[in-house]
Amino acid sequence: LFTHRGQRPALAALFAMYLEIREVLTECRDAEVARAKLGWWQEEI
């Protein structure tokens, strides 16, 4: 909200991707599943 108007969409996109990756912690109870998802995100990066 307090970022320069022209930079808001890019910052929001960056934060959204960060939050999506961090959700792996709460979504996955199995460590192997979490590792696989994080591995997929590394490939996606």
ModelCIF file with pLDDT and N, C-alpha, C, O atoms, coordinates in Angstrom:
data_MODEL
#
_entry.id   MODEL 
#
_entity.id                         1 
_entity.type                       polymer 
_entity.pdbx_number_of_molecules   1 
#
_entity_poly.entity_id                      1 
_entity_poly.type                           'polypeptide(L)' 
_entity_poly.nstd_linkage                   no 
_entity_poly.nstd_monomer                   no 
_entity_poly.pdbx_seq_one_letter_code       LFTHRGQRPALAALFAMYLEIREVLTECRDAEVARAKLGWWQEEI 
_entity_poly.pdbx_seq_one_letter_code_can   LFTHRGQRPALAALFAMYLEIREVLTECRDAEVARAKLGWWQEEI 
_entity_poly.pdbx_strand_id                 A 
#
loop_
_entity_poly_seq.entity_id 
_entity_poly_seq.num 
_entity_poly_seq.mon_id 
_entity_poly_seq.hetero 
1 1  LEU n 
1 2  PHE n 
1 3  THR n 
1 4  HIS n 
1 5  ARG n 
1 6  GLY n 
1 7  GLN n 
1 8  ARG n 
1 9  PRO n 
1 10 ALA n 
1 11 LEU n 
1 12 ALA n 
1 13 ALA n 
1 14 LEU n 
1 15 PHE n 
1 16 ALA n 
1 17 MET n 
1 18 TYR n 
1 19 LEU n 
1 20 GLU n 
1 21 ILE n 
1 22 ARG n 
1 23 GLU n 
1 24 VAL n 
1 25 LEU n 
1 26 THR n 
1 27 GLU n 
1 28 CYS n 
1 29 ARG n 
1 30 ASP n 
1 31 ALA n 
1 32 GLU n 
1 33 VAL n 
1 34 ALA n 
1 35 ARG n 
1 36 ALA n 
1 37 LYS n 
1 38 LEU n 
1 39 GLY n 
1 40 TRP n 
1 41 TRP n 
1 42 GLN n 
1 43 GLU n 
1 44 GLU n 
1 45 ILE n 
#
_struct_asym.id          A 
_struct_asym.entity_id   1 
#
loop_
_ma_qa_metric.id 
_ma_qa_metric.mode 
_ma_qa_metric.name 
_ma_qa_metric.software_group_id 
_ma_qa_metric.type 
1 global pLDDT . pLDDT 
2 local  pLDDT . pLDDT 
#
_ma_qa_metric_global.metric_id      1 
_ma_qa_metric_global.metric_value   94.42 
_ma_qa_metric_global.model_id       1 
_ma_qa_metric_global.ordinal_id     1 
#
loop_
_ma_qa_metric_local.label_asym_id 
_ma_qa_metric_local.label_comp_id 
_ma_qa_metric_local.label_seq_id 
_ma_qa_metric_local.metric_id 
_ma_qa_metric_local.metric_value 
_ma_qa_metric_local.model_id 
_ma_qa_metric_local.ordinal_id 
A LEU 1  2 93.00 1 1  
A PHE 2  2 96.00 1 2  
A THR 3  2 94.00 1 3  
A HIS 4  2 94.00 1 4  
A ARG 5  2 93.00 1 5  
A GLY 6  2 91.00 1 6  
A GLN 7  2 91.00 1 7  
A ARG 8  2 91.00 1 8  
A PRO 9  2 91.00 1 9  
A ALA 10 2 90.00 1 10 
A LEU 11 2 93.00 1 11 
A ALA 12 2 93.00 1 12 
A ALA 13 2 92.00 1 13 
A LEU 14 2 93.00 1 14 
A PHE 15 2 95.00 1 15 
A ALA 16 2 95.00 1 16 
A MET 17 2 95.00 1 17 
A TYR 18 2 95.00 1 18 
A LEU 19 2 96.00 1 19 
A GLU 20 2 95.00 1 20 
A ILE 21 2 96.00 1 21 
A ARG 22 2 95.00 1 22 
A GLU 23 2 94.00 1 23 
A VAL 24 2 95.00 1 24 
A LEU 25 2 90.00 1 25 
A THR 26 2 92.00 1 26 
A GLU 27 2 93.00 1 27 
A CYS 28 2 93.00 1 28 
A ARG 29 2 93.00 1 29 
A ASP 30 2 95.00 1 30 
A ALA 31 2 94.00 1 31 
A GLU 32 2 96.00 1 32 
A VAL 33 2 96.00 1 33 
A ALA 34 2 95.00 1 34 
A ARG 35 2 96.00 1 35 
A ALA 36 2 96.00 1 36 
A LYS 37 2 97.00 1 37 
A LEU 38 2 97.00 1 38 
A GLY 39 2 97.00 1 39 
A TRP 40 2 97.00 1 40 
A TRP 41 2 97.00 1 41 
A GLN 42 2 97.00 1 42 
A GLU 43 2 98.00 1 43 
A GLU 44 2 97.00 1 44 
A ILE 45 2 97.00 1 45 
#
loop_
_atom_site.group_PDB 
_atom_site.id 
_atom_site.type_symbol 
_atom_site.label_atom_id 
_atom_site.label_alt_id 
_atom_site.label_comp_id 
_atom_site.label_asym_id 
_atom_site.label_entity_id 
_atom_site.label_seq_id 
_atom_site.pdbx_PDB_ins_code 
_atom_site.Cartn_x 
_atom_site.Cartn_y 
_atom_site.Cartn_z 
_atom_site.occupancy 
_atom_site.B_iso_or_equiv 
_atom_site.pdbx_formal_charge 
_atom_site.auth_seq_id 
_atom_site.auth_comp_id 
_atom_site.auth_asym_id 
_atom_site.auth_atom_id 
_atom_site.pdbx_PDB_model_num 
ATOM 1   N N  . LEU A 1 1  ? 0.814  -1.212  0.000   1.00 93.00 ? 1  LEU A N  1 
ATOM 2   C CA . LEU A 1 1  ? 0.000  0.000   0.000   1.00 93.00 ? 1  LEU A CA 1 
ATOM 3   C C  . LEU A 1 1  ? 0.852  1.269   0.000   1.00 93.00 ? 1  LEU A C  1 
ATOM 4   O O  . LEU A 1 1  ? 0.519  2.238   -0.682  1.00 93.00 ? 1  LEU A O  1 
ATOM 5   N N  . PHE A 1 2  ? 1.955  1.269   0.765   1.00 96.00 ? 2  PHE A N  1 
ATOM 6   C CA . PHE A 1 2  ? 2.766  2.473   0.894   1.00 96.00 ? 2  PHE A CA 1 
ATOM 7   C C  . PHE A 1 2  ? 3.962  2.522   -0.061  1.00 96.00 ? 2  PHE A C  1 
ATOM 8   O O  . PHE A 1 2  ? 4.823  3.394   0.052   1.00 96.00 ? 2  PHE A O  1 
ATOM 9   N N  . THR A 1 3  ? 4.001  1.590   -0.985  1.00 94.00 ? 3  THR A N  1 
ATOM 10  C CA . THR A 1 3  ? 5.033  1.613   -2.017  1.00 94.00 ? 3  THR A CA 1 
ATOM 11  C C  . THR A 1 3  ? 4.569  2.534   -3.143  1.00 94.00 ? 3  THR A C  1 
ATOM 12  O O  . THR A 1 3  ? 3.370  2.726   -3.347  1.00 94.00 ? 3  THR A O  1 
ATOM 13  N N  . HIS A 1 4  ? 5.517  3.092   -3.858  1.00 94.00 ? 4  HIS A N  1 
ATOM 14  C CA . HIS A 1 4  ? 5.197  3.943   -5.013  1.00 94.00 ? 4  HIS A CA 1 
ATOM 15  C C  . HIS A 1 4  ? 4.221  3.213   -5.921  1.00 94.00 ? 4  HIS A C  1 
ATOM 16  O O  . HIS A 1 4  ? 4.396  2.028   -6.206  1.00 94.00 ? 4  HIS A O  1 
ATOM 17  N N  . ARG A 1 5  ? 3.206  3.913   -6.370  1.00 93.00 ? 5  ARG A N  1 
ATOM 18  C CA . ARG A 1 5  ? 2.110  3.323   -7.151  1.00 93.00 ? 5  ARG A CA 1 
ATOM 19  C C  . ARG A 1 5  ? 2.612  2.482   -8.329  1.00 93.00 ? 5  ARG A C  1 
ATOM 20  O O  . ARG A 1 5  ? 2.058  1.418   -8.604  1.00 93.00 ? 5  ARG A O  1 
ATOM 21  N N  . GLY A 1 6  ? 3.629  2.935   -9.010  1.00 91.00 ? 6  GLY A N  1 
ATOM 22  C CA . GLY A 1 6  ? 4.142  2.208   -10.166 1.00 91.00 ? 6  GLY A CA 1 
ATOM 23  C C  . GLY A 1 6  ? 4.841  0.908   -9.816  1.00 91.00 ? 6  GLY A C  1 
ATOM 24  O O  . GLY A 1 6  ? 4.991  0.033   -10.669 1.00 91.00 ? 6  GLY A O  1 
ATOM 25  N N  . GLN A 1 7  ? 5.271  0.772   -8.565  1.00 91.00 ? 7  GLN A N  1 
ATOM 26  C CA . GLN A 1 7  ? 5.985  -0.425  -8.139  1.00 91.00 ? 7  GLN A CA 1 
ATOM 27  C C  . GLN A 1 7  ? 5.096  -1.419  -7.390  1.00 91.00 ? 7  GLN A C  1 
ATOM 28  O O  . GLN A 1 7  ? 5.530  -2.533  -7.095  1.00 91.00 ? 7  GLN A O  1 
ATOM 29  N N  . ARG A 1 8  ? 3.885  -1.036  -7.086  1.00 91.00 ? 8  ARG A N  1 
ATOM 30  C CA . ARG A 1 8  ? 2.994  -1.895  -6.298  1.00 91.00 ? 8  ARG A CA 1 
ATOM 31  C C  . ARG A 1 8  ? 2.716  -3.252  -6.939  1.00 91.00 ? 8  ARG A C  1 
ATOM 32  O O  . ARG A 1 8  ? 2.822  -4.274  -6.261  1.00 91.00 ? 8  ARG A O  1 
ATOM 33  N N  . PRO A 1 9  ? 2.362  -3.292  -8.225  1.00 91.00 ? 9  PRO A N  1 
ATOM 34  C CA . PRO A 1 9  ? 2.065  -4.611  -8.801  1.00 91.00 ? 9  PRO A CA 1 
ATOM 35  C C  . PRO A 1 9  ? 3.247  -5.580  -8.732  1.00 91.00 ? 9  PRO A C  1 
ATOM 36  O O  . PRO A 1 9  ? 3.057  -6.761  -8.442  1.00 91.00 ? 9  PRO A O  1 
ATOM 37  N N  . ALA A 1 10 ? 4.453  -5.098  -8.992  1.00 90.00 ? 10 ALA A N  1 
ATOM 38  C CA . ALA A 1 10 ? 5.628  -5.970  -8.949  1.00 90.00 ? 10 ALA A CA 1 
ATOM 39  C C  . ALA A 1 10 ? 5.913  -6.435  -7.520  1.00 90.00 ? 10 ALA A C  1 
ATOM 40  O O  . ALA A 1 10 ? 6.237  -7.603  -7.304  1.00 90.00 ? 10 ALA A O  1 
ATOM 41  N N  . LEU A 1 11 ? 5.795  -5.536  -6.549  1.00 93.00 ? 11 LEU A N  1 
ATOM 42  C CA . LEU A 1 11 ? 6.024  -5.920  -5.159  1.00 93.00 ? 11 LEU A CA 1 
ATOM 43  C C  . LEU A 1 11 ? 4.958  -6.907  -4.695  1.00 93.00 ? 11 LEU A C  1 
ATOM 44  O O  . LEU A 1 11 ? 5.261  -7.875  -3.997  1.00 93.00 ? 11 LEU A O  1 
ATOM 45  N N  . ALA A 1 12 ? 3.722  -6.660  -5.081  1.00 93.00 ? 12 ALA A N  1 
ATOM 46  C CA . ALA A 1 12 ? 2.637  -7.580  -4.718  1.00 93.00 ? 12 ALA A CA 1 
ATOM 47  C C  . ALA A 1 12 ? 2.875  -8.956  -5.337  1.00 93.00 ? 12 ALA A C  1 
ATOM 48  O O  . ALA A 1 12 ? 2.632  -9.973  -4.689  1.00 93.00 ? 12 ALA A O  1 
ATOM 49  N N  . ALA A 1 13 ? 3.339  -8.998  -6.563  1.00 92.00 ? 13 ALA A N  1 
ATOM 50  C CA . ALA A 1 13 ? 3.624  -10.278 -7.224  1.00 92.00 ? 13 ALA A CA 1 
ATOM 51  C C  . ALA A 1 13 ? 4.752  -11.010 -6.509  1.00 92.00 ? 13 ALA A C  1 
ATOM 52  O O  . ALA A 1 13 ? 4.690  -12.226 -6.327  1.00 92.00 ? 13 ALA A O  1 
ATOM 53  N N  . LEU A 1 14 ? 5.772  -10.277 -6.107  1.00 93.00 ? 14 LEU A N  1 
ATOM 54  C CA . LEU A 1 14 ? 6.889  -10.884 -5.384  1.00 93.00 ? 14 LEU A CA 1 
ATOM 55  C C  . LEU A 1 14 ? 6.429  -11.426 -4.032  1.00 93.00 ? 14 LEU A C  1 
ATOM 56  O O  . LEU A 1 14 ? 6.758  -12.557 -3.674  1.00 93.00 ? 14 LEU A O  1 
ATOM 57  N N  . PHE A 1 15 ? 5.677  -10.631 -3.284  1.00 95.00 ? 15 PHE A N  1 
ATOM 58  C CA . PHE A 1 15 ? 5.165  -11.080 -1.993  1.00 95.00 ? 15 PHE A CA 1 
ATOM 59  C C  . PHE A 1 15 ? 4.239  -12.292 -2.157  1.00 95.00 ? 15 PHE A C  1 
ATOM 60  O O  . PHE A 1 15 ? 4.305  -13.235 -1.368  1.00 95.00 ? 15 PHE A O  1 
ATOM 61  N N  . ALA A 1 16 ? 3.391  -12.265 -3.166  1.00 95.00 ? 16 ALA A N  1 
ATOM 62  C CA . ALA A 1 16 ? 2.453  -13.367 -3.377  1.00 95.00 ? 16 ALA A CA 1 
ATOM 63  C C  . ALA A 1 16 ? 3.205  -14.667 -3.649  1.00 95.00 ? 16 ALA A C  1 
ATOM 64  O O  . ALA A 1 16 ? 2.841  -15.720 -3.124  1.00 95.00 ? 16 ALA A O  1 
ATOM 65  N N  . MET A 1 17 ? 4.241  -14.594 -4.460  1.00 95.00 ? 17 MET A N  1 
ATOM 66  C CA . MET A 1 17 ? 5.029  -15.793 -4.734  1.00 95.00 ? 17 MET A CA 1 
ATOM 67  C C  . MET A 1 17 ? 5.735  -16.270 -3.464  1.00 95.00 ? 17 MET A C  1 
ATOM 68  O O  . MET A 1 17 ? 5.767  -17.467 -3.180  1.00 95.00 ? 17 MET A O  1 
ATOM 69  N N  . TYR A 1 18 ? 6.293  -15.339 -2.713  1.00 95.00 ? 18 TYR A N  1 
ATOM 70  C CA . TYR A 1 18 ? 6.937  -15.682 -1.438  1.00 95.00 ? 18 TYR A CA 1 
ATOM 71  C C  . TYR A 1 18 ? 5.949  -16.382 -0.503  1.00 95.00 ? 18 TYR A C  1 
ATOM 72  O O  . TYR A 1 18 ? 6.268  -17.414 0.087   1.00 95.00 ? 18 TYR A O  1 
ATOM 73  N N  . LEU A 1 19 ? 4.762  -15.820 -0.375  1.00 96.00 ? 19 LEU A N  1 
ATOM 74  C CA . LEU A 1 19 ? 3.757  -16.393 0.521   1.00 96.00 ? 19 LEU A CA 1 
ATOM 75  C C  . LEU A 1 19 ? 3.321  -17.780 0.055   1.00 96.00 ? 19 LEU A C  1 
ATOM 76  O O  . LEU A 1 19 ? 3.072  -18.666 0.874   1.00 96.00 ? 19 LEU A O  1 
ATOM 77  N N  . GLU A 1 20 ? 3.230  -17.963 -1.247  1.00 95.00 ? 20 GLU A N  1 
ATOM 78  C CA . GLU A 1 20 ? 2.864  -19.274 -1.788  1.00 95.00 ? 20 GLU A CA 1 
ATOM 79  C C  . GLU A 1 20 ? 3.919  -20.317 -1.428  1.00 95.00 ? 20 GLU A C  1 
ATOM 80  O O  . GLU A 1 20 ? 3.580  -21.432 -1.033  1.00 95.00 ? 20 GLU A O  1 
ATOM 81  N N  . ILE A 1 21 ? 5.174  -19.964 -1.560  1.00 96.00 ? 21 ILE A N  1 
ATOM 82  C CA . ILE A 1 21 ? 6.249  -20.892 -1.210  1.00 96.00 ? 21 ILE A CA 1 
ATOM 83  C C  . ILE A 1 21 ? 6.223  -21.191 0.286   1.00 96.00 ? 21 ILE A C  1 
ATOM 84  O O  . ILE A 1 21 ? 6.384  -22.342 0.692   1.00 96.00 ? 21 ILE A O  1 
ATOM 85  N N  . ARG A 1 22 ? 6.023  -20.173 1.096   1.00 95.00 ? 22 ARG A N  1 
ATOM 86  C CA . ARG A 1 22 ? 6.006  -20.365 2.553   1.00 95.00 ? 22 ARG A CA 1 
ATOM 87  C C  . ARG A 1 22 ? 4.830  -21.226 3.010   1.00 95.00 ? 22 ARG A C  1 
ATOM 88  O O  . ARG A 1 22 ? 4.897  -21.841 4.075   1.00 95.00 ? 22 ARG A O  1 
ATOM 89  N N  . GLU A 1 23 ? 3.770  -21.278 2.235   1.00 94.00 ? 23 GLU A N  1 
ATOM 90  C CA . GLU A 1 23 ? 2.612  -22.094 2.595   1.00 94.00 ? 23 GLU A CA 1 
ATOM 91  C C  . GLU A 1 23 ? 2.933  -23.584 2.597   1.00 94.00 ? 23 GLU A C  1 
ATOM 92  O O  . GLU A 1 23 ? 2.190  -24.373 3.180   1.00 94.00 ? 23 GLU A O  1 
ATOM 93  N N  . VAL A 1 24 ? 4.015  -23.974 1.960   1.00 95.00 ? 24 VAL A N  1 
ATOM 94  C CA . VAL A 1 24 ? 4.404  -25.379 1.967   1.00 95.00 ? 24 VAL A CA 1 
ATOM 95  C C  . VAL A 1 24 ? 4.554  -25.863 3.406   1.00 95.00 ? 24 VAL A C  1 
ATOM 96  O O  . VAL A 1 24 ? 4.255  -27.018 3.709   1.00 95.00 ? 24 VAL A O  1 
ATOM 97  N N  . LEU A 1 25 ? 5.016  -24.984 4.290   1.00 90.00 ? 25 LEU A N  1 
ATOM 98  C CA . LEU A 1 25 ? 5.188  -25.352 5.702   1.00 90.00 ? 25 LEU A CA 1 
ATOM 99  C C  . LEU A 1 25 ? 3.880  -25.762 6.364   1.00 90.00 ? 25 LEU A C  1 
ATOM 100 O O  . LEU A 1 25 ? 3.846  -26.713 7.144   1.00 90.00 ? 25 LEU A O  1 
ATOM 101 N N  . THR A 1 26 ? 2.825  -25.059 6.059   1.00 92.00 ? 26 THR A N  1 
ATOM 102 C CA . THR A 1 26 ? 1.543  -25.350 6.713   1.00 92.00 ? 26 THR A CA 1 
ATOM 103 C C  . THR A 1 26 ? 0.729  -26.383 5.957   1.00 92.00 ? 26 THR A C  1 
ATOM 104 O O  . THR A 1 26 ? -0.109 -27.061 6.552   1.00 92.00 ? 26 THR A O  1 
ATOM 105 N N  . GLU A 1 27 ? 0.958  -26.516 4.663   1.00 93.00 ? 27 GLU A N  1 
ATOM 106 C CA . GLU A 1 27 ? 0.197  -27.468 3.856   1.00 93.00 ? 27 GLU A CA 1 
ATOM 107 C C  . GLU A 1 27 ? 0.660  -28.897 4.046   1.00 93.00 ? 27 GLU A C  1 
ATOM 108 O O  . GLU A 1 27 ? -0.156 -29.819 4.033   1.00 93.00 ? 27 GLU A O  1 
ATOM 109 N N  . CYS A 1 28 ? 1.951  -29.094 4.221   1.00 93.00 ? 28 CYS A N  1 
ATOM 110 C CA . CYS A 1 28 ? 2.526  -30.436 4.187   1.00 93.00 ? 28 CYS A CA 1 
ATOM 111 C C  . CYS A 1 28 ? 2.872  -30.932 5.584   1.00 93.00 ? 28 CYS A C  1 
ATOM 112 O O  . CYS A 1 28 ? 3.626  -30.293 6.316   1.00 93.00 ? 28 CYS A O  1 
ATOM 113 N N  . ARG A 1 29 ? 2.322  -32.053 5.931   1.00 93.00 ? 29 ARG A N  1 
ATOM 114 C CA . ARG A 1 29 ? 2.673  -32.695 7.200   1.00 93.00 ? 29 ARG A CA 1 
ATOM 115 C C  . ARG A 1 29 ? 3.797  -33.703 6.993   1.00 93.00 ? 29 ARG A C  1 
ATOM 116 O O  . ARG A 1 29 ? 4.524  -34.031 7.931   1.00 93.00 ? 29 ARG A O  1 
ATOM 117 N N  . ASP A 1 30 ? 3.939  -34.190 5.771   1.00 95.00 ? 30 ASP A N  1 
ATOM 118 C CA . ASP A 1 30 ? 4.971  -35.169 5.429   1.00 95.00 ? 30 ASP A CA 1 
ATOM 119 C C  . ASP A 1 30 ? 6.201  -34.428 4.906   1.00 95.00 ? 30 ASP A C  1 
ATOM 120 O O  . ASP A 1 30 ? 6.105  -33.643 3.963   1.00 95.00 ? 30 ASP A O  1 
ATOM 121 N N  . ALA A 1 31 ? 7.345  -34.678 5.519   1.00 94.00 ? 31 ALA A N  1 
ATOM 122 C CA . ALA A 1 31 ? 8.576  -33.979 5.141   1.00 94.00 ? 31 ALA A CA 1 
ATOM 123 C C  . ALA A 1 31 ? 8.975  -34.253 3.693   1.00 94.00 ? 31 ALA A C  1 
ATOM 124 O O  . ALA A 1 31 ? 9.489  -33.364 3.015   1.00 94.00 ? 31 ALA A O  1 
ATOM 125 N N  . GLU A 1 32 ? 8.747  -35.461 3.220   1.00 96.00 ? 32 GLU A N  1 
ATOM 126 C CA . GLU A 1 32 ? 9.112  -35.786 1.833   1.00 96.00 ? 32 GLU A CA 1 
ATOM 127 C C  . GLU A 1 32 ? 8.240  -35.029 0.834   1.00 96.00 ? 32 GLU A C  1 
ATOM 128 O O  . GLU A 1 32 ? 8.725  -34.593 -0.209  1.00 96.00 ? 32 GLU A O  1 
ATOM 129 N N  . VAL A 1 33 ? 6.983  -34.878 1.145   1.00 96.00 ? 33 VAL A N  1 
ATOM 130 C CA . VAL A 1 33 ? 6.079  -34.107 0.283   1.00 96.00 ? 33 VAL A CA 1 
ATOM 131 C C  . VAL A 1 33 ? 6.524  -32.648 0.260   1.00 96.00 ? 33 VAL A C  1 
ATOM 132 O O  . VAL A 1 33 ? 6.558  -32.020 -0.798  1.00 96.00 ? 33 VAL A O  1 
ATOM 133 N N  . ALA A 1 34 ? 6.865  -32.113 1.430   1.00 95.00 ? 34 ALA A N  1 
ATOM 134 C CA . ALA A 1 34 ? 7.338  -30.726 1.509   1.00 95.00 ? 34 ALA A CA 1 
ATOM 135 C C  . ALA A 1 34 ? 8.615  -30.549 0.689   1.00 95.00 ? 34 ALA A C  1 
ATOM 136 O O  . ALA A 1 34 ? 8.747  -29.567 -0.041  1.00 95.00 ? 34 ALA A O  1 
ATOM 137 N N  . ARG A 1 35 ? 9.557  -31.488 0.803   1.00 96.00 ? 35 ARG A N  1 
ATOM 138 C CA . ARG A 1 35 ? 10.791 -31.410 0.023   1.00 96.00 ? 35 ARG A CA 1 
ATOM 139 C C  . ARG A 1 35 ? 10.498 -31.443 -1.477  1.00 96.00 ? 35 ARG A C  1 
ATOM 140 O O  . ARG A 1 35 ? 11.110 -30.711 -2.254  1.00 96.00 ? 35 ARG A O  1 
ATOM 141 N N  . ALA A 1 36 ? 9.567  -32.289 -1.870  1.00 96.00 ? 36 ALA A N  1 
ATOM 142 C CA . ALA A 1 36 ? 9.206  -32.387 -3.290  1.00 96.00 ? 36 ALA A CA 1 
ATOM 143 C C  . ALA A 1 36 ? 8.601  -31.073 -3.789  1.00 96.00 ? 36 ALA A C  1 
ATOM 144 O O  . ALA A 1 36 ? 8.924  -30.608 -4.881  1.00 96.00 ? 36 ALA A O  1 
ATOM 145 N N  . LYS A 1 37 ? 7.722  -30.483 -2.980  1.00 97.00 ? 37 LYS A N  1 
ATOM 146 C CA . LYS A 1 37 ? 7.113  -29.206 -3.379  1.00 97.00 ? 37 LYS A CA 1 
ATOM 147 C C  . LYS A 1 37 ? 8.151  -28.093 -3.448  1.00 97.00 ? 37 LYS A C  1 
ATOM 148 O O  . LYS A 1 37 ? 8.137  -27.289 -4.381  1.00 97.00 ? 37 LYS A O  1 
ATOM 149 N N  . LEU A 1 38 ? 9.036  -28.041 -2.482  1.00 97.00 ? 38 LEU A N  1 
ATOM 150 C CA . LEU A 1 38 ? 10.078 -27.017 -2.506  1.00 97.00 ? 38 LEU A CA 1 
ATOM 151 C C  . LEU A 1 38 ? 11.034 -27.251 -3.671  1.00 97.00 ? 38 LEU A C  1 
ATOM 152 O O  . LEU A 1 38 ? 11.523 -26.293 -4.270  1.00 97.00 ? 38 LEU A O  1 
ATOM 153 N N  . GLY A 1 39 ? 11.304 -28.511 -3.998  1.00 97.00 ? 39 GLY A N  1 
ATOM 154 C CA . GLY A 1 39 ? 12.111 -28.822 -5.173  1.00 97.00 ? 39 GLY A CA 1 
ATOM 155 C C  . GLY A 1 39 ? 11.444 -28.334 -6.446  1.00 97.00 ? 39 GLY A C  1 
ATOM 156 O O  . GLY A 1 39 ? 12.102 -27.814 -7.346  1.00 97.00 ? 39 GLY A O  1 
ATOM 157 N N  . TRP A 1 40 ? 10.117 -28.508 -6.512  1.00 97.00 ? 40 TRP A N  1 
ATOM 158 C CA . TRP A 1 40 ? 9.381  -28.003 -7.665  1.00 97.00 ? 40 TRP A CA 1 
ATOM 159 C C  . TRP A 1 40 ? 9.509  -26.484 -7.752  1.00 97.00 ? 40 TRP A C  1 
ATOM 160 O O  . TRP A 1 40 ? 9.686  -25.933 -8.838  1.00 97.00 ? 40 TRP A O  1 
ATOM 161 N N  . TRP A 1 41 ? 9.420  -25.808 -6.604  1.00 97.00 ? 41 TRP A N  1 
ATOM 162 C CA . TRP A 1 41 ? 9.552  -24.358 -6.605  1.00 97.00 ? 41 TRP A CA 1 
ATOM 163 C C  . TRP A 1 41 ? 10.956 -23.927 -7.024  1.00 97.00 ? 41 TRP A C  1 
ATOM 164 O O  . TRP A 1 41 ? 11.110 -22.906 -7.693  1.00 97.00 ? 41 TRP A O  1 
ATOM 165 N N  . GLN A 1 42 ? 11.972 -24.680 -6.646  1.00 97.00 ? 42 GLN A N  1 
ATOM 166 C CA . GLN A 1 42 ? 13.326 -24.345 -7.108  1.00 97.00 ? 42 GLN A CA 1 
ATOM 167 C C  . GLN A 1 42 ? 13.403 -24.455 -8.624  1.00 97.00 ? 42 GLN A C  1 
ATOM 168 O O  . GLN A 1 42 ? 14.011 -23.610 -9.282  1.00 97.00 ? 42 GLN A O  1 
ATOM 169 N N  . GLU A 1 43 ? 12.790 -25.488 -9.176  1.00 98.00 ? 43 GLU A N  1 
ATOM 170 C CA . GLU A 1 43 ? 12.746 -25.615 -10.631 1.00 98.00 ? 43 GLU A CA 1 
ATOM 171 C C  . GLU A 1 43 ? 11.955 -24.469 -11.254 1.00 98.00 ? 43 GLU A C  1 
ATOM 172 O O  . GLU A 1 43 ? 12.332 -23.937 -12.298 1.00 98.00 ? 43 GLU A O  1 
ATOM 173 N N  . GLU A 1 44 ? 10.867 -24.097 -10.610 1.00 97.00 ? 44 GLU A N  1 
ATOM 174 C CA . GLU A 1 44 ? 10.038 -22.995 -11.116 1.00 97.00 ? 44 GLU A CA 1 
ATOM 175 C C  . GLU A 1 44 ? 10.819 -21.685 -11.109 1.00 97.00 ? 44 GLU A C  1 
ATOM 176 O O  . GLU A 1 44 ? 10.682 -20.875 -12.025 1.00 97.00 ? 44 GLU A O  1 
ATOM 177 N N  . ILE A 1 45 ? 11.621 -21.480 -10.097 1.00 97.00 ? 45 ILE A N  1 
ATOM 178 C CA . ILE A 1 45 ? 12.462 -20.273 -10.057 1.00 97.00 ? 45 ILE A CA 1 
ATOM 179 C C  . ILE A 1 45 ? 13.445 -20.289 -11.225 1.00 97.00 ? 45 ILE A C  1 
ATOM 180 O O  . ILE A 1 45 ? 14.242 -19.363 -11.374 1.00 97.00 ? 45 ILE A O  1 
#
